[in-house]
Amino acid sequence: MTEITIRNAPGKWSVRSGGAILGESTSALEMLEGDLDPVIYFPRSDIAMAFLDVTNKITHCPHKGDATHFSIVNKSSVTENAAWSYDDPIPAVAEIKGYVAFYPLDSVKVEQI
């Protein structure tokens, strides 16, 4: 089984797309999953969710559950399925409920500030 560690991400994190800041948070979580790159999860309350449109894409992870996906929509572009969130994660990773993460795409920047 893949080992998953979730911890508070140190400092302040931001996510930007298309020149717009989608959110900043000092309450982000960092997920370490096996040998994958760490993933930063932002509280939805710290993200401008008006820029995120739910898509019909759902993915399943045996270690986390079913993920809902979002496209980022702003004045200049639409980035399809650029973010995901677990609405009902499995109990082992329950702390990511209500959080959203972003794929590392050219048009999406997640960084510590």
N, C-alpha and C. Protein backbone atom coordinates (compact mmCIF):
# COMPACT_ATOMS: atom_id res chain seq x y z
N MET A 1 0.84 -1.20 0.00
CA MET A 1 0.00 0.00 0.00
C MET A 1 0.88 1.26 0.00
N THR A 2 0.43 2.25 -0.72
CA THR A 2 1.14 3.52 -0.78
C THR A 2 0.98 4.25 0.54
N GLU A 3 2.09 4.72 1.09
CA GLU A 3 2.01 5.48 2.33
C GLU A 3 1.69 6.93 2.00
N ILE A 4 0.71 7.49 2.74
CA ILE A 4 0.29 8.87 2.55
C ILE A 4 0.51 9.62 3.86
N THR A 5 1.19 10.75 3.77
CA THR A 5 1.38 11.62 4.92
C THR A 5 0.77 12.97 4.59
N ILE A 6 -0.02 13.50 5.50
CA ILE A 6 -0.62 14.83 5.33
C ILE A 6 -0.16 15.68 6.51
N ARG A 7 0.37 16.85 6.18
CA ARG A 7 0.83 17.75 7.24
C ARG A 7 0.50 19.18 6.86
N ASN A 8 0.55 20.07 7.84
CA ASN A 8 0.34 21.48 7.54
C ASN A 8 1.49 21.96 6.66
N ALA A 9 1.17 22.61 5.57
CA ALA A 9 2.21 23.16 4.68
C ALA A 9 2.77 24.41 5.35
N PRO A 10 4.10 24.49 5.49
CA PRO A 10 4.68 25.64 6.19
C PRO A 10 4.53 26.93 5.40
N GLY A 11 4.29 28.02 6.10
CA GLY A 11 4.24 29.34 5.47
C GLY A 11 2.96 29.62 4.74
N LYS A 12 3.04 30.54 3.78
CA LYS A 12 1.89 31.00 3.00
C LYS A 12 2.04 30.51 1.57
N TRP A 13 0.94 30.01 1.00
CA TRP A 13 0.92 29.45 -0.36
C TRP A 13 -0.06 30.22 -1.22
N SER A 14 0.24 30.30 -2.52
CA SER A 14 -0.69 30.95 -3.44
C SER A 14 -0.86 30.07 -4.67
N VAL A 15 -1.99 30.28 -5.35
CA VAL A 15 -2.23 29.63 -6.63
C VAL A 15 -2.71 30.72 -7.60
N ARG A 16 -2.09 30.72 -8.80
CA ARG A 16 -2.40 31.71 -9.82
C ARG A 16 -2.67 31.00 -11.14
N SER A 17 -3.53 31.62 -11.94
CA SER A 17 -3.79 31.11 -13.29
C SER A 17 -4.23 32.27 -14.16
N GLY A 18 -3.69 32.33 -15.37
CA GLY A 18 -4.09 33.38 -16.31
C GLY A 18 -3.86 34.77 -15.76
N GLY A 19 -2.84 34.95 -14.92
CA GLY A 19 -2.54 36.25 -14.35
C GLY A 19 -3.37 36.60 -13.14
N ALA A 20 -4.34 35.77 -12.79
CA ALA A 20 -5.20 36.05 -11.64
C ALA A 20 -4.77 35.19 -10.44
N ILE A 21 -4.80 35.80 -9.27
CA ILE A 21 -4.56 35.03 -8.05
C ILE A 21 -5.88 34.37 -7.66
N LEU A 22 -5.88 33.04 -7.65
CA LEU A 22 -7.09 32.30 -7.30
C LEU A 22 -7.23 32.16 -5.79
N GLY A 23 -6.12 32.25 -5.09
CA GLY A 23 -6.19 32.15 -3.65
C GLY A 23 -4.84 32.17 -3.00
N GLU A 24 -4.84 32.51 -1.71
CA GLU A 24 -3.66 32.46 -0.87
C GLU A 24 -4.09 31.85 0.46
N SER A 25 -3.19 31.09 1.07
CA SER A 25 -3.57 30.43 2.31
C SER A 25 -2.36 30.19 3.21
N THR A 26 -2.59 30.36 4.50
CA THR A 26 -1.63 29.94 5.50
C THR A 26 -2.12 28.66 6.17
N SER A 27 -3.21 28.10 5.64
CA SER A 27 -3.82 26.88 6.20
C SER A 27 -3.77 25.72 5.22
N ALA A 28 -2.87 25.80 4.24
CA ALA A 28 -2.78 24.73 3.24
C ALA A 28 -2.21 23.45 3.87
N LEU A 29 -2.53 22.34 3.24
CA LEU A 29 -2.00 21.04 3.65
C LEU A 29 -1.07 20.53 2.56
N GLU A 30 -0.05 19.81 2.97
CA GLU A 30 0.87 19.17 2.04
C GLU A 30 0.69 17.66 2.14
N MET A 31 0.42 17.03 0.99
CA MET A 31 0.25 15.58 0.97
C MET A 31 1.48 14.96 0.31
N LEU A 32 2.06 14.01 1.01
CA LEU A 32 3.17 13.22 0.49
C LEU A 32 2.62 11.83 0.26
N GLU A 33 2.71 11.37 -0.99
CA GLU A 33 2.13 10.08 -1.36
C GLU A 33 3.19 9.25 -2.09
N GLY A 34 3.72 8.26 -1.40
CA GLY A 34 4.73 7.40 -2.00
C GLY A 34 5.89 8.23 -2.51
N ASP A 35 6.32 7.97 -3.76
CA ASP A 35 7.42 8.73 -4.33
C ASP A 35 6.95 9.80 -5.31
N LEU A 36 5.66 10.16 -5.24
CA LEU A 36 5.13 11.24 -6.07
C LEU A 36 5.55 12.59 -5.51
N ASP A 37 5.53 13.62 -6.35
CA ASP A 37 5.82 14.97 -5.88
C ASP A 37 4.78 15.37 -4.84
N PRO A 38 5.17 16.15 -3.81
CA PRO A 38 4.20 16.62 -2.83
C PRO A 38 3.09 17.44 -3.51
N VAL A 39 1.89 17.37 -2.97
CA VAL A 39 0.75 18.12 -3.50
C VAL A 39 0.23 19.04 -2.40
N ILE A 40 0.01 20.31 -2.76
CA ILE A 40 -0.54 21.28 -1.82
C ILE A 40 -2.06 21.33 -2.00
N TYR A 41 -2.78 21.15 -0.89
CA TYR A 41 -4.24 21.25 -0.87
C TYR A 41 -4.61 22.55 -0.16
N PHE A 42 -5.45 23.35 -0.83
CA PHE A 42 -5.90 24.63 -0.29
C PHE A 42 -7.31 24.49 0.30
N PRO A 43 -7.58 25.11 1.46
CA PRO A 43 -8.98 25.15 1.92
C PRO A 43 -9.83 25.86 0.86
N ARG A 44 -10.98 25.30 0.57
CA ARG A 44 -11.85 25.95 -0.43
C ARG A 44 -12.19 27.37 -0.02
N SER A 45 -12.27 27.62 1.30
CA SER A 45 -12.61 28.96 1.78
C SER A 45 -11.53 29.99 1.44
N ASP A 46 -10.31 29.54 1.09
CA ASP A 46 -9.24 30.46 0.72
C ASP A 46 -9.08 30.60 -0.80
N ILE A 47 -9.94 29.94 -1.56
CA ILE A 47 -9.87 29.97 -3.02
C ILE A 47 -11.08 30.70 -3.58
N ALA A 48 -10.87 31.49 -4.62
CA ALA A 48 -11.98 32.17 -5.30
C ALA A 48 -12.71 31.12 -6.14
N MET A 49 -13.61 30.37 -5.50
CA MET A 49 -14.28 29.25 -6.16
C MET A 49 -15.12 29.69 -7.34
N ALA A 50 -15.42 30.98 -7.46
CA ALA A 50 -16.17 31.48 -8.62
C ALA A 50 -15.40 31.26 -9.92
N PHE A 51 -14.08 31.11 -9.84
CA PHE A 51 -13.26 30.85 -11.02
C PHE A 51 -13.22 29.36 -11.38
N LEU A 52 -13.76 28.52 -10.52
CA LEU A 52 -13.70 27.08 -10.74
C LEU A 52 -15.08 26.54 -11.09
N ASP A 53 -15.17 25.89 -12.24
CA ASP A 53 -16.42 25.27 -12.67
C ASP A 53 -16.28 23.76 -12.57
N VAL A 54 -17.23 23.12 -11.90
CA VAL A 54 -17.21 21.66 -11.78
C VAL A 54 -17.35 21.05 -13.17
N THR A 55 -16.56 20.01 -13.44
CA THR A 55 -16.68 19.30 -14.71
C THR A 55 -17.31 17.93 -14.43
N ASN A 56 -17.53 17.16 -15.48
CA ASN A 56 -18.11 15.83 -15.28
C ASN A 56 -17.03 14.76 -15.07
N LYS A 57 -15.77 15.18 -14.97
CA LYS A 57 -14.68 14.22 -14.75
C LYS A 57 -14.61 13.83 -13.27
N ILE A 58 -14.62 12.53 -13.03
CA ILE A 58 -14.45 11.99 -11.68
C ILE A 58 -13.35 10.95 -11.78
N THR A 59 -12.39 11.02 -10.88
CA THR A 59 -11.36 9.99 -10.85
C THR A 59 -11.42 9.27 -9.52
N HIS A 60 -10.95 8.05 -9.51
CA HIS A 60 -10.98 7.25 -8.27
C HIS A 60 -9.55 6.89 -7.87
N CYS A 61 -9.24 7.13 -6.61
CA CYS A 61 -7.96 6.70 -6.04
C CYS A 61 -8.29 5.73 -4.91
N PRO A 62 -7.71 4.52 -4.92
CA PRO A 62 -8.01 3.57 -3.87
C PRO A 62 -7.58 4.04 -2.49
N HIS A 63 -6.68 5.02 -2.42
CA HIS A 63 -6.18 5.51 -1.14
C HIS A 63 -6.88 6.77 -0.65
N LYS A 64 -7.63 7.44 -1.55
CA LYS A 64 -8.26 8.70 -1.17
C LYS A 64 -9.76 8.75 -1.47
N GLY A 65 -10.23 8.02 -2.46
CA GLY A 65 -11.66 8.04 -2.80
C GLY A 65 -11.89 8.65 -4.18
N ASP A 66 -13.09 9.18 -4.39
CA ASP A 66 -13.47 9.77 -5.68
C ASP A 66 -13.23 11.27 -5.66
N ALA A 67 -12.57 11.75 -6.71
CA ALA A 67 -12.25 13.18 -6.82
C ALA A 67 -13.12 13.85 -7.87
N THR A 68 -13.71 14.97 -7.49
CA THR A 68 -14.42 15.85 -8.41
C THR A 68 -13.40 16.79 -9.03
N HIS A 69 -13.54 17.09 -10.32
CA HIS A 69 -12.60 17.96 -11.01
C HIS A 69 -13.24 19.30 -11.38
N PHE A 70 -12.39 20.31 -11.54
CA PHE A 70 -12.82 21.66 -11.85
C PHE A 70 -11.97 22.22 -12.98
N SER A 71 -12.60 23.02 -13.83
CA SER A 71 -11.87 23.82 -14.80
C SER A 71 -11.73 25.23 -14.24
N ILE A 72 -10.60 25.86 -14.54
CA ILE A 72 -10.38 27.25 -14.13
C ILE A 72 -10.85 28.13 -15.29
N VAL A 73 -11.79 29.02 -14.99
CA VAL A 73 -12.36 29.90 -16.01
C VAL A 73 -12.06 31.34 -15.61
N ASN A 74 -11.33 32.05 -16.47
CA ASN A 74 -11.11 33.48 -16.22
C ASN A 74 -11.29 34.23 -17.54
N LYS A 75 -11.08 35.53 -17.52
CA LYS A 75 -11.36 36.34 -18.70
C LYS A 75 -10.57 35.90 -19.93
N SER A 76 -9.34 35.43 -19.72
CA SER A 76 -8.48 35.16 -20.87
C SER A 76 -8.46 33.70 -21.31
N SER A 77 -8.92 32.78 -20.45
CA SER A 77 -8.76 31.37 -20.82
C SER A 77 -9.62 30.45 -19.96
N VAL A 78 -9.72 29.20 -20.44
CA VAL A 78 -10.32 28.12 -19.66
C VAL A 78 -9.27 27.01 -19.60
N THR A 79 -8.95 26.59 -18.41
CA THR A 79 -8.01 25.48 -18.23
C THR A 79 -8.82 24.28 -17.74
N GLU A 80 -9.04 23.33 -18.64
CA GLU A 80 -9.91 22.19 -18.36
C GLU A 80 -9.33 21.28 -17.28
N ASN A 81 -10.19 20.85 -16.36
CA ASN A 81 -9.84 19.85 -15.35
C ASN A 81 -8.50 20.15 -14.68
N ALA A 82 -8.33 21.40 -14.25
CA ALA A 82 -7.05 21.85 -13.69
C ALA A 82 -6.96 21.65 -12.18
N ALA A 83 -8.07 21.32 -11.55
CA ALA A 83 -8.08 21.17 -10.09
C ALA A 83 -8.97 20.01 -9.71
N TRP A 84 -8.76 19.52 -8.49
CA TRP A 84 -9.60 18.43 -8.01
C TRP A 84 -9.81 18.55 -6.51
N SER A 85 -10.86 17.88 -6.05
CA SER A 85 -11.22 17.92 -4.64
C SER A 85 -11.93 16.62 -4.28
N TYR A 86 -11.72 16.17 -3.06
CA TYR A 86 -12.40 14.98 -2.56
C TYR A 86 -13.53 15.44 -1.65
N ASP A 87 -14.77 15.28 -2.12
CA ASP A 87 -15.94 15.68 -1.34
C ASP A 87 -16.20 14.74 -0.18
N ASP A 88 -15.84 13.47 -0.37
CA ASP A 88 -16.08 12.46 0.65
C ASP A 88 -14.90 11.48 0.68
N PRO A 89 -13.73 11.97 1.15
CA PRO A 89 -12.54 11.11 1.11
C PRO A 89 -12.67 9.94 2.07
N ILE A 90 -11.87 8.90 1.82
CA ILE A 90 -11.89 7.77 2.74
C ILE A 90 -11.37 8.24 4.10
N PRO A 91 -11.77 7.57 5.19
CA PRO A 91 -11.44 8.06 6.54
C PRO A 91 -9.95 8.30 6.79
N ALA A 92 -9.07 7.54 6.18
CA ALA A 92 -7.63 7.68 6.43
C ALA A 92 -7.09 9.05 6.01
N VAL A 93 -7.78 9.71 5.07
CA VAL A 93 -7.34 11.03 4.60
C VAL A 93 -8.46 12.06 4.77
N ALA A 94 -9.26 11.90 5.80
CA ALA A 94 -10.45 12.75 6.00
C ALA A 94 -10.11 14.23 6.08
N GLU A 95 -8.88 14.57 6.49
CA GLU A 95 -8.57 15.99 6.66
C GLU A 95 -8.53 16.76 5.35
N ILE A 96 -8.51 16.09 4.17
CA ILE A 96 -8.51 16.84 2.90
C ILE A 96 -9.93 17.19 2.43
N LYS A 97 -10.95 16.75 3.16
CA LYS A 97 -12.33 17.13 2.82
C LYS A 97 -12.45 18.66 2.90
N GLY A 98 -13.03 19.26 1.88
CA GLY A 98 -13.18 20.71 1.86
C GLY A 98 -11.95 21.44 1.34
N TYR A 99 -11.01 20.67 0.80
CA TYR A 99 -9.78 21.25 0.24
C TYR A 99 -9.76 21.00 -1.27
N VAL A 100 -8.99 21.80 -1.98
CA VAL A 100 -8.86 21.66 -3.43
C VAL A 100 -7.37 21.73 -3.78
N ALA A 101 -6.96 20.90 -4.75
CA ALA A 101 -5.58 20.88 -5.22
C ALA A 101 -5.56 21.15 -6.72
N PHE A 102 -4.39 21.55 -7.21
CA PHE A 102 -4.25 21.97 -8.60
C PHE A 102 -3.16 21.17 -9.29
N TYR A 103 -3.43 20.80 -10.54
CA TYR A 103 -2.41 20.09 -11.33
C TYR A 103 -1.28 21.06 -11.67
N PRO A 104 -0.04 20.56 -11.72
CA PRO A 104 1.10 21.41 -12.08
C PRO A 104 1.16 21.64 -13.59
N LEU A 105 0.38 22.58 -14.07
CA LEU A 105 0.28 22.88 -15.50
C LEU A 105 1.03 24.18 -15.80
N ASP A 106 1.35 24.39 -17.08
CA ASP A 106 2.03 25.62 -17.47
C ASP A 106 1.24 26.86 -17.09
N SER A 107 -0.09 26.75 -17.14
CA SER A 107 -0.94 27.92 -16.88
C SER A 107 -1.37 28.04 -15.42
N VAL A 108 -0.91 27.14 -14.57
CA VAL A 108 -1.31 27.14 -13.16
C VAL A 108 -0.03 27.10 -12.31
N LYS A 109 0.12 28.07 -11.42
CA LYS A 109 1.31 28.15 -10.57
C LYS A 109 0.90 28.06 -9.10
N VAL A 110 1.39 27.04 -8.43
CA VAL A 110 1.22 26.90 -6.98
C VAL A 110 2.60 27.14 -6.39
N GLU A 111 2.69 28.11 -5.48
CA GLU A 111 4.00 28.41 -4.91
C GLU A 111 3.90 28.95 -3.50
N GLN A 112 4.99 28.71 -2.76
CA GLN A 112 5.11 29.27 -1.42
C GLN A 112 5.55 30.73 -1.59
N ILE A 113 4.89 31.62 -0.84
CA ILE A 113 5.22 33.06 -0.96
C ILE A 113 5.70 33.62 0.35
